[in-house]
Amino acid sequence: MLYYALVFFIVAIVAAALGFGGIAAGAASIAKILFFIFLVIFLVTLVMGLVRR
């Protein structure tokens, strides 16, 4: 999932450099959402791993 967030982030940077504002904003928002989902899943698995010990 972090891979997809990075891909959308790179797409947003390239689109912003080329002047496609709508595409850049859409890709940036998707990247942000995916990053936060990844972060939540990471924290949940970290806590679950600590609890099991």
PDB file of N, CA and C in Angstrom:
ATOM      1  N   MET A   1       0.828  -1.189   0.000  1.00  0.00           N
ATOM      2  CA  MET A   1       0.000   0.000   0.000  1.00  0.00           C
ATOM      3  C   MET A   1       0.872   1.253   0.000  1.00  0.00           C
ATOM      4  N   LEU A   2       1.982   1.184   0.707  1.00  0.00           N
ATOM      5  CA  LEU A   2       2.886   2.327   0.694  1.00  0.00           C
ATOM      6  C   LEU A   2       3.444   2.542  -0.707  1.00  0.00           C
ATOM      7  N   TYR A   3       3.619   1.465  -1.446  1.00  0.00           N
ATOM      8  CA  TYR A   3       4.089   1.555  -2.834  1.00  0.00           C
ATOM      9  C   TYR A   3       3.125   2.383  -3.675  1.00  0.00           C
ATOM     10  N   TYR A   4       1.821   2.118  -3.528  1.00  0.00           N
ATOM     11  CA  TYR A   4       0.821   2.867  -4.294  1.00  0.00           C
ATOM     12  C   TYR A   4       0.790   4.333  -3.880  1.00  0.00           C
ATOM     13  N   ALA A   5       0.981   4.601  -2.598  1.00  0.00           N
ATOM     14  CA  ALA A   5       1.029   5.993  -2.141  1.00  0.00           C
ATOM     15  C   ALA A   5       2.207   6.720  -2.774  1.00  0.00           C
ATOM     16  N   LEU A   6       3.352   6.046  -2.851  1.00  0.00           N
ATOM     17  CA  LEU A   6       4.515   6.664  -3.471  1.00  0.00           C
ATOM     18  C   LEU A   6       4.312   6.865  -4.967  1.00  0.00           C
ATOM     19  N   VAL A   7       3.665   5.901  -5.621  1.00  0.00           N
ATOM     20  CA  VAL A   7       3.396   6.036  -7.058  1.00  0.00           C
ATOM     21  C   VAL A   7       2.495   7.232  -7.327  1.00  0.00           C
ATOM     22  N   PHE A   8       1.414   7.375  -6.561  1.00  0.00           N
ATOM     23  CA  PHE A   8       0.523   8.509  -6.758  1.00  0.00           C
ATOM     24  C   PHE A   8       1.213   9.824  -6.413  1.00  0.00           C
ATOM     25  N   PHE A   9       2.117   9.799  -5.432  1.00  0.00           N
ATOM     26  CA  PHE A   9       2.869  11.004  -5.086  1.00  0.00           C
ATOM     27  C   PHE A   9       3.767  11.421  -6.248  1.00  0.00           C
ATOM     28  N   ILE A  10       4.439  10.470  -6.871  1.00  0.00           N
ATOM     29  CA  ILE A  10       5.299  10.773  -8.014  1.00  0.00           C
ATOM     30  C   ILE A  10       4.468  11.270  -9.195  1.00  0.00           C
ATOM     31  N   VAL A  11       3.306  10.643  -9.412  1.00  0.00           N
ATOM     32  CA  VAL A  11       2.411  11.106 -10.483  1.00  0.00           C
ATOM     33  C   VAL A  11       1.978  12.543 -10.223  1.00  0.00           C
ATOM     34  N   ALA A  12       1.693  12.870  -8.966  1.00  0.00           N
ATOM     35  CA  ALA A  12       1.281  14.228  -8.619  1.00  0.00           C
ATOM     36  C   ALA A  12       2.408  15.223  -8.872  1.00  0.00           C
ATOM     37  N   ILE A  13       3.635  14.855  -8.547  1.00  0.00           N
ATOM     38  CA  ILE A  13       4.769  15.760  -8.770  1.00  0.00           C
ATOM     39  C   ILE A  13       4.988  15.989 -10.261  1.00  0.00           C
ATOM     40  N   VAL A  14       4.934  14.917 -11.051  1.00  0.00           N
ATOM     41  CA  VAL A  14       5.130  15.048 -12.494  1.00  0.00           C
ATOM     42  C   VAL A  14       4.004  15.874 -13.105  1.00  0.00           C
ATOM     43  N   ALA A  15       2.766  15.626 -12.694  1.00  0.00           N
ATOM     44  CA  ALA A  15       1.636  16.376 -13.232  1.00  0.00           C
ATOM     45  C   ALA A  15       1.722  17.853 -12.849  1.00  0.00           C
ATOM     46  N   ALA A  16       2.180  18.127 -11.636  1.00  0.00           N
ATOM     47  CA  ALA A  16       2.321  19.525 -11.219  1.00  0.00           C
ATOM     48  C   ALA A  16       3.422  20.215 -12.018  1.00  0.00           C
ATOM     49  N   ALA A  17       4.501  19.488 -12.313  1.00  0.00           N
ATOM     50  CA  ALA A  17       5.589  20.075 -13.084  1.00  0.00           C
ATOM     51  C   ALA A  17       5.147  20.381 -14.517  1.00  0.00           C
ATOM     52  N   LEU A  18       4.254  19.566 -15.051  1.00  0.00           N
ATOM     53  CA  LEU A  18       3.780  19.779 -16.410  1.00  0.00           C
ATOM     54  C   LEU A  18       2.590  20.736 -16.487  1.00  0.00           C
ATOM     55  N   GLY A  19       2.059  21.123 -15.338  1.00  0.00           N
ATOM     56  CA  GLY A  19       0.992  22.117 -15.328  1.00  0.00           C
ATOM     57  C   GLY A  19      -0.418  21.553 -15.339  1.00  0.00           C
ATOM     58  N   PHE A  20      -0.577  20.280 -15.047  1.00  0.00           N
ATOM     59  CA  PHE A  20      -1.917  19.692 -14.992  1.00  0.00           C
ATOM     60  C   PHE A  20      -2.415  19.776 -13.553  1.00  0.00           C
ATOM     61  N   GLY A  21      -3.072  20.872 -13.205  1.00  0.00           N
ATOM     62  CA  GLY A  21      -3.474  21.124 -11.824  1.00  0.00           C
ATOM     63  C   GLY A  21      -4.479  20.135 -11.275  1.00  0.00           C
ATOM     64  N   GLY A  22      -5.502  19.816 -12.055  1.00  0.00           N
ATOM     65  CA  GLY A  22      -6.534  18.898 -11.568  1.00  0.00           C
ATOM     66  C   GLY A  22      -6.012  17.490 -11.342  1.00  0.00           C
ATOM     67  N   ILE A  23      -5.184  17.024 -12.263  1.00  0.00           N
ATOM     68  CA  ILE A  23      -4.616  15.683 -12.127  1.00  0.00           C
ATOM     69  C   ILE A  23      -3.662  15.632 -10.949  1.00  0.00           C
ATOM     70  N   ALA A  24      -2.872  16.676 -10.772  1.00  0.00           N
ATOM     71  CA  ALA A  24      -1.917  16.718  -9.662  1.00  0.00           C
ATOM     72  C   ALA A  24      -2.643  16.723  -8.321  1.00  0.00           C
ATOM     73  N   ALA A  25      -3.702  17.486  -8.217  1.00  0.00           N
ATOM     74  CA  ALA A  25      -4.452  17.542  -6.959  1.00  0.00           C
ATOM     75  C   ALA A  25      -5.114  16.208  -6.656  1.00  0.00           C
ATOM     76  N   GLY A  26      -5.657  15.570  -7.683  1.00  0.00           N
ATOM     77  CA  GLY A  26      -6.297  14.266  -7.478  1.00  0.00           C
ATOM     78  C   GLY A  26      -5.302  13.202  -7.064  1.00  0.00           C
ATOM     79  N   ALA A  27      -4.165  13.152  -7.731  1.00  0.00           N
ATOM     80  CA  ALA A  27      -3.148  12.159  -7.387  1.00  0.00           C
ATOM     81  C   ALA A  27      -2.568  12.424  -6.005  1.00  0.00           C
ATOM     82  N   ALA A  28      -2.396  13.682  -5.652  1.00  0.00           N
ATOM     83  CA  ALA A  28      -1.872  14.013  -4.326  1.00  0.00           C
ATOM     84  C   ALA A  28      -2.852  13.620  -3.230  1.00  0.00           C
ATOM     85  N   SER A  29      -4.133  13.829  -3.457  1.00  0.00           N
ATOM     86  CA  SER A  29      -5.108  13.451  -2.434  1.00  0.00           C
ATOM     87  C   SER A  29      -5.196  11.932  -2.294  1.00  0.00           C
ATOM     88  N   ILE A  30      -5.113  11.203  -3.403  1.00  0.00           N
ATOM     89  CA  ILE A  30      -5.117   9.738  -3.324  1.00  0.00           C
ATOM     90  C   ILE A  30      -3.874   9.250  -2.587  1.00  0.00           C
ATOM     91  N   ALA A  31      -2.719   9.846  -2.884  1.00  0.00           N
ATOM     92  CA  ALA A  31      -1.485   9.456  -2.202  1.00  0.00           C
ATOM     93  C   ALA A  31      -1.572   9.723  -0.703  1.00  0.00           C
ATOM     94  N   LYS A  32      -2.171  10.847  -0.333  1.00  0.00           N
ATOM     95  CA  LYS A  32      -2.302  11.181   1.080  1.00  0.00           C
ATOM     96  C   LYS A  32      -3.217  10.186   1.800  1.00  0.00           C
ATOM     97  N   ILE A  33      -4.334   9.845   1.180  1.00  0.00           N
ATOM     98  CA  ILE A  33      -5.265   8.887   1.780  1.00  0.00           C
ATOM     99  C   ILE A  33      -4.602   7.528   1.944  1.00  0.00           C
ATOM    100  N   LEU A  34      -3.926   7.050   0.892  1.00  0.00           N
ATOM    101  CA  LEU A  34      -3.264   5.755   0.972  1.00  0.00           C
ATOM    102  C   LEU A  34      -2.166   5.744   2.020  1.00  0.00           C
ATOM    103  N   PHE A  35      -1.444   6.848   2.159  1.00  0.00           N
ATOM    104  CA  PHE A  35      -0.392   6.918   3.170  1.00  0.00           C
ATOM    105  C   PHE A  35      -0.972   6.810   4.573  1.00  0.00           C
ATOM    106  N   PHE A  36      -2.075   7.505   4.826  1.00  0.00           N
ATOM    107  CA  PHE A  36      -2.662   7.444   6.162  1.00  0.00           C
ATOM    108  C   PHE A  36      -3.263   6.066   6.450  1.00  0.00           C
ATOM    109  N   ILE A  37      -3.828   5.421   5.440  1.00  0.00           N
ATOM    110  CA  ILE A  37      -4.323   4.053   5.623  1.00  0.00           C
ATOM    111  C   ILE A  37      -3.164   3.126   5.960  1.00  0.00           C
ATOM    112  N   PHE A  38      -2.046   3.266   5.226  1.00  0.00           N
ATOM    113  CA  PHE A  38      -0.866   2.468   5.510  1.00  0.00           C
ATOM    114  C   PHE A  38      -0.371   2.717   6.931  1.00  0.00           C
ATOM    115  N   LEU A  39      -0.355   3.968   7.345  1.00  0.00           N
ATOM    116  CA  LEU A  39       0.129   4.313   8.680  1.00  0.00           C
ATOM    117  C   LEU A  39      -0.740   3.685   9.763  1.00  0.00           C
ATOM    118  N   VAL A  40      -2.047   3.716   9.599  1.00  0.00           N
ATOM    119  CA  VAL A  40      -2.962   3.115  10.572  1.00  0.00           C
ATOM    120  C   VAL A  40      -2.758   1.605  10.632  1.00  0.00           C
ATOM    121  N   ILE A  41      -2.650   0.962   9.478  1.00  0.00           N
ATOM    122  CA  ILE A  41      -2.442  -0.492   9.454  1.00  0.00           C
ATOM    123  C   ILE A  41      -1.105  -0.843  10.104  1.00  0.00           C
ATOM    124  N   PHE A  42      -0.076  -0.054   9.851  1.00  0.00           N
ATOM    125  CA  PHE A  42       1.227  -0.290  10.472  1.00  0.00           C
ATOM    126  C   PHE A  42       1.142  -0.188  11.987  1.00  0.00           C
ATOM    127  N   LEU A  43       0.479   0.845  12.485  1.00  0.00           N
ATOM    128  CA  LEU A  43       0.368   1.015  13.934  1.00  0.00           C
ATOM    129  C   LEU A  43      -0.430  -0.110  14.580  1.00  0.00           C
ATOM    130  N   VAL A  44      -1.499  -0.554  13.916  1.00  0.00           N
ATOM    131  CA  VAL A  44      -2.307  -1.652  14.455  1.00  0.00           C
ATOM    132  C   VAL A  44      -1.480  -2.930  14.535  1.00  0.00           C
ATOM    133  N   THR A  45      -0.747  -3.244  13.477  1.00  0.00           N
ATOM    134  CA  THR A  45       0.065  -4.467  13.507  1.00  0.00           C
ATOM    135  C   THR A  45       1.206  -4.353  14.503  1.00  0.00           C
ATOM    136  N   LEU A  46       1.752  -3.159  14.693  1.00  0.00           N
ATOM    137  CA  LEU A  46       2.803  -2.968  15.686  1.00  0.00           C
ATOM    138  C   LEU A  46       2.271  -3.217  17.090  1.00  0.00           C
ATOM    139  N   VAL A  47       1.113  -2.664  17.395  1.00  0.00           N
ATOM    140  CA  VAL A  47       0.506  -2.867  18.715  1.00  0.00           C
ATOM    141  C   VAL A  47       0.138  -4.331  18.912  1.00  0.00           C
ATOM    142  N   MET A  48      -0.414  -4.970  17.875  1.00  0.00           N
ATOM    143  CA  MET A  48      -0.780  -6.386  17.989  1.00  0.00           C
ATOM    144  C   MET A  48       0.461  -7.254  18.231  1.00  0.00           C
ATOM    145  N   GLY A  49       1.569  -6.917  17.593  1.00  0.00           N
ATOM    146  CA  GLY A  49       2.805  -7.656  17.791  1.00  0.00           C
ATOM    147  C   GLY A  49       3.354  -7.485  19.202  1.00  0.00           C
ATOM    148  N   LEU A  50       3.210  -6.283  19.753  1.00  0.00           N
ATOM    149  CA  LEU A  50       3.679  -6.037  21.126  1.00  0.00           C
ATOM    150  C   LEU A  50       2.795  -6.714  22.156  1.00  0.00           C
ATOM    151  N   VAL A  51       1.489  -6.789  21.882  1.00  0.00           N
ATOM    152  CA  VAL A  51       0.539  -7.398  22.815  1.00  0.00           C
ATOM    153  C   VAL A  51       0.738  -8.916  22.854  1.00  0.00           C
ATOM    154  N   ARG A  52       1.041  -9.513  21.709  1.00  0.00           N
ATOM    155  CA  ARG A  52       1.201 -10.975  21.662  1.00  0.00           C
ATOM    156  C   ARG A  52       2.416 -11.454  22.433  1.00  0.00           C
ATOM    157  N   ARG A  53       3.410 -10.619  22.585  1.00  0.00           N
ATOM    158  CA  ARG A  53       4.591 -11.016  23.354  1.00  0.00           C
ATOM    159  C   ARG A  53       4.244 -10.981  24.798  1.00  0.00           C
TER     160      ARG A  53
END
